[in-house]
Amino acid sequence: MAENGRAQLGGVFFIRHAARNYVEPVPKAQAATELFRACFPTFWYRPGMEFALEFCIRIANEVPCKAFGFRPDESAVDFLLGELGE
């Protein structure tokens, strides 16, 4: 059940409350910053901090990152499924 494994990461969504549902691309530098802000780097351990920063930059460069602004209601689910083609 709780086993380390591998899976391909097809994309990252940064979720935000909004007045309307939308999806828009996030520039790579902004994506790396947002990923780093969301992780828990070891500030006291320099190699760990460097790994976390490099990992966030790598993800931002290799994986499509998008902002998903959504209304906090059922319309957000239908909108996102439409965006994903499901």
PDB file of N, CA and C in Angstrom:
ATOM      1  N   MET A   1       0.820  -1.195   0.000  1.00  0.00           N
ATOM      2  CA  MET A   1       0.000   0.000   0.000  1.00  0.00           C
ATOM      3  C   MET A   1       0.866   1.262   0.000  1.00  0.00           C
ATOM      4  N   ALA A   2       1.743   1.398   0.957  1.00  0.00           N
ATOM      5  CA  ALA A   2       2.602   2.581   1.045  1.00  0.00           C
ATOM      6  C   ALA A   2       3.993   2.202   0.551  1.00  0.00           C
ATOM      7  N   GLU A   3       4.104   2.034  -0.733  1.00  0.00           N
ATOM      8  CA  GLU A   3       5.348   1.572  -1.325  1.00  0.00           C
ATOM      9  C   GLU A   3       5.902   2.644  -2.253  1.00  0.00           C
ATOM     10  N   ASN A   4       7.207   2.881  -2.160  1.00  0.00           N
ATOM     11  CA  ASN A   4       7.834   3.808  -3.093  1.00  0.00           C
ATOM     12  C   ASN A   4       7.766   3.215  -4.489  1.00  0.00           C
ATOM     13  N   GLY A   5       7.483   4.026  -5.439  1.00  0.00           N
ATOM     14  CA  GLY A   5       7.435   3.564  -6.812  1.00  0.00           C
ATOM     15  C   GLY A   5       7.696   4.723  -7.746  1.00  0.00           C
ATOM     16  N   ARG A   6       7.541   4.469  -9.006  1.00  0.00           N
ATOM     17  CA  ARG A   6       7.755   5.498 -10.019  1.00  0.00           C
ATOM     18  C   ARG A   6       6.497   5.670 -10.845  1.00  0.00           C
ATOM     19  N   ALA A   7       6.293   6.884 -11.266  1.00  0.00           N
ATOM     20  CA  ALA A   7       5.203   7.199 -12.176  1.00  0.00           C
ATOM     21  C   ALA A   7       5.620   8.434 -12.955  1.00  0.00           C
ATOM     22  N   GLN A   8       5.184   8.524 -14.180  1.00  0.00           N
ATOM     23  CA  GLN A   8       5.502   9.689 -14.994  1.00  0.00           C
ATOM     24  C   GLN A   8       4.601  10.840 -14.571  1.00  0.00           C
ATOM     25  N   LEU A   9       5.193  12.003 -14.402  1.00  0.00           N
ATOM     26  CA  LEU A   9       4.458  13.201 -14.028  1.00  0.00           C
ATOM     27  C   LEU A   9       4.080  13.940 -15.306  1.00  0.00           C
ATOM     28  N   GLY A  10       2.788  14.002 -15.589  1.00  0.00           N
ATOM     29  CA  GLY A  10       2.331  14.609 -16.830  1.00  0.00           C
ATOM     30  C   GLY A  10       2.128  16.111 -16.756  1.00  0.00           C
ATOM     31  N   GLY A  11       2.036  16.656 -15.561  1.00  0.00           N
ATOM     32  CA  GLY A  11       1.832  18.085 -15.405  1.00  0.00           C
ATOM     33  C   GLY A  11       1.609  18.448 -13.953  1.00  0.00           C
ATOM     34  N   VAL A  12       1.675  19.735 -13.693  1.00  0.00           N
ATOM     35  CA  VAL A  12       1.460  20.270 -12.346  1.00  0.00           C
ATOM     36  C   VAL A  12       0.433  21.385 -12.444  1.00  0.00           C
ATOM     37  N   PHE A  13      -0.540  21.357 -11.548  1.00  0.00           N
ATOM     38  CA  PHE A  13      -1.501  22.459 -11.424  1.00  0.00           C
ATOM     39  C   PHE A  13      -1.257  23.173 -10.107  1.00  0.00           C
ATOM     40  N   PHE A  14      -1.147  24.490 -10.168  1.00  0.00           N
ATOM     41  CA  PHE A  14      -1.128  25.318  -8.967  1.00  0.00           C
ATOM     42  C   PHE A  14      -2.552  25.830  -8.797  1.00  0.00           C
ATOM     43  N   ILE A  15      -3.212  25.431  -7.719  1.00  0.00           N
ATOM     44  CA  ILE A  15      -4.631  25.761  -7.570  1.00  0.00           C
ATOM     45  C   ILE A  15      -4.809  27.072  -6.812  1.00  0.00           C
ATOM     46  N   ARG A  16      -5.840  27.806  -7.237  1.00  0.00           N
ATOM     47  CA  ARG A  16      -6.135  29.119  -6.657  1.00  0.00           C
ATOM     48  C   ARG A  16      -7.636  29.347  -6.671  1.00  0.00           C
ATOM     49  N   HIS A  17      -8.179  29.911  -5.609  1.00  0.00           N
ATOM     50  CA  HIS A  17      -9.575  30.345  -5.663  1.00  0.00           C
ATOM     51  C   HIS A  17      -9.664  31.522  -6.627  1.00  0.00           C
ATOM     52  N   ALA A  18     -10.753  31.577  -7.378  1.00  0.00           N
ATOM     53  CA  ALA A  18     -10.919  32.651  -8.366  1.00  0.00           C
ATOM     54  C   ALA A  18     -12.409  32.916  -8.582  1.00  0.00           C
ATOM     55  N   ALA A  19     -12.691  34.011  -9.231  1.00  0.00           N
ATOM     56  CA  ALA A  19     -14.081  34.370  -9.536  1.00  0.00           C
ATOM     57  C   ALA A  19     -14.616  33.553 -10.710  1.00  0.00           C
ATOM     58  N   ARG A  20     -13.700  32.996 -11.514  1.00  0.00           N
ATOM     59  CA  ARG A  20     -14.112  32.169 -12.650  1.00  0.00           C
ATOM     60  C   ARG A  20     -13.126  31.018 -12.773  1.00  0.00           C
ATOM     61  N   ASN A  21     -13.537  29.967 -13.454  1.00  0.00           N
ATOM     62  CA  ASN A  21     -12.657  28.829 -13.698  1.00  0.00           C
ATOM     63  C   ASN A  21     -11.742  29.141 -14.880  1.00  0.00           C
ATOM     64  N   TYR A  22     -10.467  28.865 -14.726  1.00  0.00           N
ATOM     65  CA  TYR A  22      -9.523  29.067 -15.828  1.00  0.00           C
ATOM     66  C   TYR A  22      -8.305  28.170 -15.649  1.00  0.00           C
ATOM     67  N   VAL A  23      -7.630  27.919 -16.732  1.00  0.00           N
ATOM     68  CA  VAL A  23      -6.323  27.256 -16.734  1.00  0.00           C
ATOM     69  C   VAL A  23      -5.424  28.092 -17.613  1.00  0.00           C
ATOM     70  N   GLU A  24      -4.234  28.409 -17.111  1.00  0.00           N
ATOM     71  CA  GLU A  24      -3.279  29.174 -17.906  1.00  0.00           C
ATOM     72  C   GLU A  24      -1.863  28.707 -17.594  1.00  0.00           C
ATOM     73  N   PRO A  25      -0.986  28.769 -18.578  1.00  0.00           N
ATOM     74  CA  PRO A  25       0.396  28.338 -18.359  1.00  0.00           C
ATOM     75  C   PRO A  25       1.095  29.227 -17.338  1.00  0.00           C
ATOM     76  N   VAL A  26       2.031  28.641 -16.622  1.00  0.00           N
ATOM     77  CA  VAL A  26       2.845  29.377 -15.649  1.00  0.00           C
ATOM     78  C   VAL A  26       4.275  29.379 -16.183  1.00  0.00           C
ATOM     79  N   PRO A  27       4.907  30.559 -16.264  1.00  0.00           N
ATOM     80  CA  PRO A  27       6.302  30.610 -16.733  1.00  0.00           C
ATOM     81  C   PRO A  27       7.203  29.732 -15.860  1.00  0.00           C
ATOM     82  N   LYS A  28       8.246  29.186 -16.457  1.00  0.00           N
ATOM     83  CA  LYS A  28       9.117  28.230 -15.772  1.00  0.00           C
ATOM     84  C   LYS A  28       9.724  28.782 -14.488  1.00  0.00           C
ATOM     85  N   ALA A  29      10.193  30.019 -14.495  1.00  0.00           N
ATOM     86  CA  ALA A  29      10.792  30.589 -13.285  1.00  0.00           C
ATOM     87  C   ALA A  29       9.759  30.704 -12.165  1.00  0.00           C
ATOM     88  N   GLN A  30       8.561  31.123 -12.503  1.00  0.00           N
ATOM     89  CA  GLN A  30       7.494  31.224 -11.509  1.00  0.00           C
ATOM     90  C   GLN A  30       7.100  29.832 -10.998  1.00  0.00           C
ATOM     91  N   ALA A  31       7.049  28.853 -11.899  1.00  0.00           N
ATOM     92  CA  ALA A  31       6.711  27.482 -11.502  1.00  0.00           C
ATOM     93  C   ALA A  31       7.746  26.935 -10.525  1.00  0.00           C
ATOM     94  N   ALA A  32       9.021  27.138 -10.802  1.00  0.00           N
ATOM     95  CA  ALA A  32      10.075  26.670  -9.895  1.00  0.00           C
ATOM     96  C   ALA A  32       9.937  27.330  -8.529  1.00  0.00           C
ATOM     97  N   THR A  33       9.630  28.620  -8.523  1.00  0.00           N
ATOM     98  CA  THR A  33       9.443  29.345  -7.259  1.00  0.00           C
ATOM     99  C   THR A  33       8.264  28.788  -6.481  1.00  0.00           C
ATOM    100  N   GLU A  34       7.153  28.551  -7.162  1.00  0.00           N
ATOM    101  CA  GLU A  34       5.966  28.027  -6.485  1.00  0.00           C
ATOM    102  C   GLU A  34       6.195  26.604  -5.981  1.00  0.00           C
ATOM    103  N   LEU A  35       6.882  25.788  -6.755  1.00  0.00           N
ATOM    104  CA  LEU A  35       7.202  24.434  -6.299  1.00  0.00           C
ATOM    105  C   LEU A  35       8.090  24.479  -5.060  1.00  0.00           C
ATOM    106  N   PHE A  36       9.095  25.333  -5.081  1.00  0.00           N
ATOM    107  CA  PHE A  36      10.009  25.437  -3.947  1.00  0.00           C
ATOM    108  C   PHE A  36       9.273  25.916  -2.703  1.00  0.00           C
ATOM    109  N   ARG A  37       8.372  26.853  -2.879  1.00  0.00           N
ATOM    110  CA  ARG A  37       7.584  27.373  -1.755  1.00  0.00           C
ATOM    111  C   ARG A  37       6.719  26.278  -1.134  1.00  0.00           C
ATOM    112  N   ALA A  38       6.293  25.314  -1.945  1.00  0.00           N
ATOM    113  CA  ALA A  38       5.400  24.255  -1.469  1.00  0.00           C
ATOM    114  C   ALA A  38       6.146  23.049  -0.892  1.00  0.00           C
ATOM    115  N   CYS A  39       7.456  23.001  -1.044  1.00  0.00           N
ATOM    116  CA  CYS A  39       8.199  21.854  -0.511  1.00  0.00           C
ATOM    117  C   CYS A  39       8.742  22.191   0.881  1.00  0.00           C
ATOM    118  N   PHE A  40       9.326  21.226   1.495  1.00  0.00           N
ATOM    119  CA  PHE A  40       9.848  21.399   2.848  1.00  0.00           C
ATOM    120  C   PHE A  40      11.355  21.157   2.857  1.00  0.00           C
ATOM    121  N   PRO A  41      12.112  22.126   2.321  1.00  0.00           N
ATOM    122  CA  PRO A  41      13.564  21.913   2.256  1.00  0.00           C
ATOM    123  C   PRO A  41      14.194  21.985   3.649  1.00  0.00           C
ATOM    124  N   THR A  42      15.310  21.330   3.782  1.00  0.00           N
ATOM    125  CA  THR A  42      16.057  21.349   5.037  1.00  0.00           C
ATOM    126  C   THR A  42      16.986  22.561   5.033  1.00  0.00           C
ATOM    127  N   PHE A  43      16.520  23.666   5.569  1.00  0.00           N
ATOM    128  CA  PHE A  43      17.283  24.916   5.530  1.00  0.00           C
ATOM    129  C   PHE A  43      18.629  24.795   6.247  1.00  0.00           C
ATOM    130  N   TRP A  44      18.711  23.930   7.228  1.00  0.00           N
ATOM    131  CA  TRP A  44      19.937  23.781   8.003  1.00  0.00           C
ATOM    132  C   TRP A  44      20.941  22.832   7.348  1.00  0.00           C
ATOM    133  N   TYR A  45      20.539  22.148   6.277  1.00  0.00           N
ATOM    134  CA  TYR A  45      21.398  21.160   5.624  1.00  0.00           C
ATOM    135  C   TYR A  45      21.586  21.570   4.169  1.00  0.00           C
ATOM    136  N   ARG A  46      22.716  22.182   3.897  1.00  0.00           N
ATOM    137  CA  ARG A  46      22.962  22.762   2.573  1.00  0.00           C
ATOM    138  C   ARG A  46      22.766  21.780   1.414  1.00  0.00           C
ATOM    139  N   PRO A  47      23.305  20.556   1.469  1.00  0.00           N
ATOM    140  CA  PRO A  47      23.085  19.628   0.347  1.00  0.00           C
ATOM    141  C   PRO A  47      21.594  19.331   0.118  1.00  0.00           C
ATOM    142  N   GLY A  48      20.833  19.227   1.194  1.00  0.00           N
ATOM    143  CA  GLY A  48      19.397  18.992   1.052  1.00  0.00           C
ATOM    144  C   GLY A  48      18.693  20.174   0.419  1.00  0.00           C
ATOM    145  N   MET A  49      19.091  21.371   0.810  1.00  0.00           N
ATOM    146  CA  MET A  49      18.518  22.591   0.243  1.00  0.00           C
ATOM    147  C   MET A  49      18.846  22.691  -1.239  1.00  0.00           C
ATOM    148  N   GLU A  50      20.101  22.400  -1.597  1.00  0.00           N
ATOM    149  CA  GLU A  50      20.499  22.453  -3.002  1.00  0.00           C
ATOM    150  C   GLU A  50      19.739  21.416  -3.829  1.00  0.00           C
ATOM    151  N   PHE A  51      19.558  20.209  -3.268  1.00  0.00           N
ATOM    152  CA  PHE A  51      18.802  19.179  -3.977  1.00  0.00           C
ATOM    153  C   PHE A  51      17.365  19.632  -4.217  1.00  0.00           C
ATOM    154  N   ALA A  52      16.716  20.184  -3.185  1.00  0.00           N
ATOM    155  CA  ALA A  52      15.321  20.620  -3.309  1.00  0.00           C
ATOM    156  C   ALA A  52      15.188  21.698  -4.379  1.00  0.00           C
ATOM    157  N   LEU A  53      16.083  22.668  -4.367  1.00  0.00           N
ATOM    158  CA  LEU A  53      16.028  23.754  -5.348  1.00  0.00           C
ATOM    159  C   LEU A  53      16.254  23.220  -6.764  1.00  0.00           C
ATOM    160  N   GLU A  54      17.265  22.389  -6.945  1.00  0.00           N
ATOM    161  CA  GLU A  54      17.545  21.824  -8.271  1.00  0.00           C
ATOM    162  C   GLU A  54      16.393  20.944  -8.756  1.00  0.00           C
ATOM    163  N   PHE A  55      15.769  20.193  -7.852  1.00  0.00           N
ATOM    164  CA  PHE A  55      14.646  19.341  -8.211  1.00  0.00           C
ATOM    165  C   PHE A  55      13.462  20.177  -8.686  1.00  0.00           C
ATOM    166  N   CYS A  56      13.165  21.263  -7.977  1.00  0.00           N
ATOM    167  CA  CYS A  56      12.060  22.143  -8.374  1.00  0.00           C
ATOM    168  C   CYS A  56      12.322  22.770  -9.739  1.00  0.00           C
ATOM    169  N   ILE A  57      13.547  23.192  -9.981  1.00  0.00           N
ATOM    170  CA  ILE A  57      13.910  23.773 -11.275  1.00  0.00           C
ATOM    171  C   ILE A  57      13.765  22.730 -12.373  1.00  0.00           C
ATOM    172  N   ARG A  58      14.212  21.507 -12.101  1.00  0.00           N
ATOM    173  CA  ARG A  58      14.110  20.435 -13.096  1.00  0.00           C
ATOM    174  C   ARG A  58      12.658  20.130 -13.446  1.00  0.00           C
ATOM    175  N   ILE A  59      11.809  20.038 -12.446  1.00  0.00           N
ATOM    176  CA  ILE A  59      10.389  19.792 -12.712  1.00  0.00           C
ATOM    177  C   ILE A  59       9.809  20.920 -13.550  1.00  0.00           C
ATOM    178  N   ALA A  60      10.088  22.158 -13.165  1.00  0.00           N
ATOM    179  CA  ALA A  60       9.545  23.308 -13.899  1.00  0.00           C
ATOM    180  C   ALA A  60      10.003  23.320 -15.348  1.00  0.00           C
ATOM    181  N   ASN A  61      11.210  22.840 -15.612  1.00  0.00           N
ATOM    182  CA  ASN A  61      11.739  22.818 -16.979  1.00  0.00           C
ATOM    183  C   ASN A  61      11.227  21.653 -17.805  1.00  0.00           C
ATOM    184  N   GLU A  62      10.875  20.536 -17.152  1.00  0.00           N
ATOM    185  CA  GLU A  62      10.530  19.320 -17.888  1.00  0.00           C
ATOM    186  C   GLU A  62       9.050  18.987 -17.925  1.00  0.00           C
ATOM    187  N   VAL A  63       8.254  19.608 -17.068  1.00  0.00           N
ATOM    188  CA  VAL A  63       6.838  19.247 -16.931  1.00  0.00           C
ATOM    189  C   VAL A  63       5.980  20.500 -17.150  1.00  0.00           C
ATOM    190  N   PRO A  64       4.905  20.391 -17.927  1.00  0.00           N
ATOM    191  CA  PRO A  64       4.017  21.552 -18.082  1.00  0.00           C
ATOM    192  C   PRO A  64       3.414  21.952 -16.733  1.00  0.00           C
ATOM    193  N   CYS A  65       3.536  23.211 -16.391  1.00  0.00           N
ATOM    194  CA  CYS A  65       2.985  23.734 -15.143  1.00  0.00           C
ATOM    195  C   CYS A  65       1.938  24.785 -15.487  1.00  0.00           C
ATOM    196  N   LYS A  66       0.775  24.667 -14.849  1.00  0.00           N
ATOM    197  CA  LYS A  66      -0.334  25.566 -15.149  1.00  0.00           C
ATOM    198  C   LYS A  66      -1.009  26.028 -13.870  1.00  0.00           C
ATOM    199  N   ALA A  67      -1.593  27.207 -13.935  1.00  0.00           N
ATOM    200  CA  ALA A  67      -2.431  27.698 -12.845  1.00  0.00           C
ATOM    201  C   ALA A  67      -3.855  27.254 -13.114  1.00  0.00           C
ATOM    202  N   PHE A  68      -4.504  26.746 -12.100  1.00  0.00           N
ATOM    203  CA  PHE A  68      -5.911  26.376 -12.190  1.00  0.00           C
ATOM    204  C   PHE A  68      -6.668  27.245 -11.199  1.00  0.00           C
ATOM    205  N   GLY A  69      -7.282  28.297 -11.736  1.00  0.00           N
ATOM    206  CA  GLY A  69      -8.148  29.139 -10.917  1.00  0.00           C
ATOM    207  C   GLY A  69      -9.541  28.549 -10.945  1.00  0.00           C
ATOM    208  N   PHE A  70     -10.172  28.472  -9.789  1.00  0.00           N
ATOM    209  CA  PHE A  70     -11.478  27.822  -9.772  1.00  0.00           C
ATOM    210  C   PHE A  70     -12.449  28.496  -8.813  1.00  0.00           C
ATOM    211  N   ARG A  71     -13.704  28.419  -9.223  1.00  0.00           N
ATOM    212  CA  ARG A  71     -14.814  28.800  -8.342  1.00  0.00           C
ATOM    213  C   ARG A  71     -15.013  27.637  -7.378  1.00  0.00           C
ATOM    214  N   PRO A  72     -15.239  27.894  -6.119  1.00  0.00           N
ATOM    215  CA  PRO A  72     -15.407  26.797  -5.165  1.00  0.00           C
ATOM    216  C   PRO A  72     -16.807  26.176  -5.231  1.00  0.00           C
ATOM    217  N   ASP A  73     -17.101  25.573  -6.384  1.00  0.00           N
ATOM    218  CA  ASP A  73     -18.372  24.855  -6.546  1.00  0.00           C
ATOM    219  C   ASP A  73     -18.179  23.746  -7.581  1.00  0.00           C
ATOM    220  N   GLU A  74     -19.258  23.009  -7.886  1.00  0.00           N
ATOM    221  CA  GLU A  74     -19.144  21.855  -8.789  1.00  0.00           C
ATOM    222  C   GLU A  74     -18.690  22.225 -10.195  1.00  0.00           C
ATOM    223  N   SER A  75     -18.874  23.470 -10.587  1.00  0.00           N
ATOM    224  CA  SER A  75     -18.496  23.860 -11.944  1.00  0.00           C
ATOM    225  C   SER A  75     -16.992  23.676 -12.191  1.00  0.00           C
ATOM    226  N   ALA A  76     -16.199  23.745 -11.145  1.00  0.00           N
ATOM    227  CA  ALA A  76     -14.749  23.595 -11.291  1.00  0.00           C
ATOM    228  C   ALA A  76     -14.386  22.192 -11.770  1.00  0.00           C
ATOM    229  N   VAL A  77     -15.087  21.186 -11.265  1.00  0.00           N
ATOM    230  CA  VAL A  77     -14.805  19.795 -11.667  1.00  0.00           C
ATOM    231  C   VAL A  77     -15.135  19.603 -13.137  1.00  0.00           C
ATOM    232  N   ASP A  78     -16.317  20.036 -13.548  1.00  0.00           N
ATOM    233  CA  ASP A  78     -16.718  19.899 -14.952  1.00  0.00           C
ATOM    234  C   ASP A  78     -15.771  20.663 -15.875  1.00  0.00           C
ATOM    235  N   PHE A  79     -15.380  21.864 -15.460  1.00  0.00           N
ATOM    236  CA  PHE A  79     -14.465  22.667 -16.257  1.00  0.00           C
ATOM    237  C   PHE A  79     -13.133  21.952 -16.437  1.00  0.00           C
ATOM    238  N   LEU A  80     -12.558  21.449 -15.336  1.00  0.00           N
ATOM    239  CA  LEU A  80     -11.253  20.801 -15.414  1.00  0.00           C
ATOM    240  C   LEU A  80     -11.324  19.507 -16.229  1.00  0.00           C
ATOM    241  N   LEU A  81     -12.371  18.741 -16.059  1.00  0.00           N
ATOM    242  CA  LEU A  81     -12.514  17.530 -16.875  1.00  0.00           C
ATOM    243  C   LEU A  81     -12.587  17.887 -18.356  1.00  0.00           C
ATOM    244  N   GLY A  82     -13.253  18.978 -18.694  1.00  0.00           N
ATOM    245  CA  GLY A  82     -13.295  19.447 -20.078  1.00  0.00           C
ATOM    246  C   GLY A  82     -11.918  19.860 -20.575  1.00  0.00           C
ATOM    247  N   GLU A  83     -11.143  20.514 -19.730  1.00  0.00           N
ATOM    248  CA  GLU A  83      -9.782  20.932 -20.093  1.00  0.00           C
ATOM    249  C   GLU A  83      -8.886  19.726 -20.328  1.00  0.00           C
ATOM    250  N   LEU A  84      -9.099  18.666 -19.548  1.00  0.00           N
ATOM    251  CA  LEU A  84      -8.276  17.469 -19.662  1.00  0.00           C
ATOM    252  C   LEU A  84      -8.776  16.519 -20.733  1.00  0.00           C
ATOM    253  N   GLY A  85      -9.941  16.848 -21.332  1.00  0.00           N
ATOM    254  CA  GLY A  85     -10.500  16.024 -22.387  1.00  0.00           C
ATOM    255  C   GLY A  85     -11.122  14.743 -21.882  1.00  0.00           C
ATOM    256  N   GLU A  86     -11.666  14.777 -20.698  1.00  0.00           N
ATOM    257  CA  GLU A  86     -12.283  13.560 -20.135  1.00  0.00           C
ATOM    258  C   GLU A  86     -13.788  13.692 -20.034  1.00  0.00           C
TER     259      GLU A  86
END
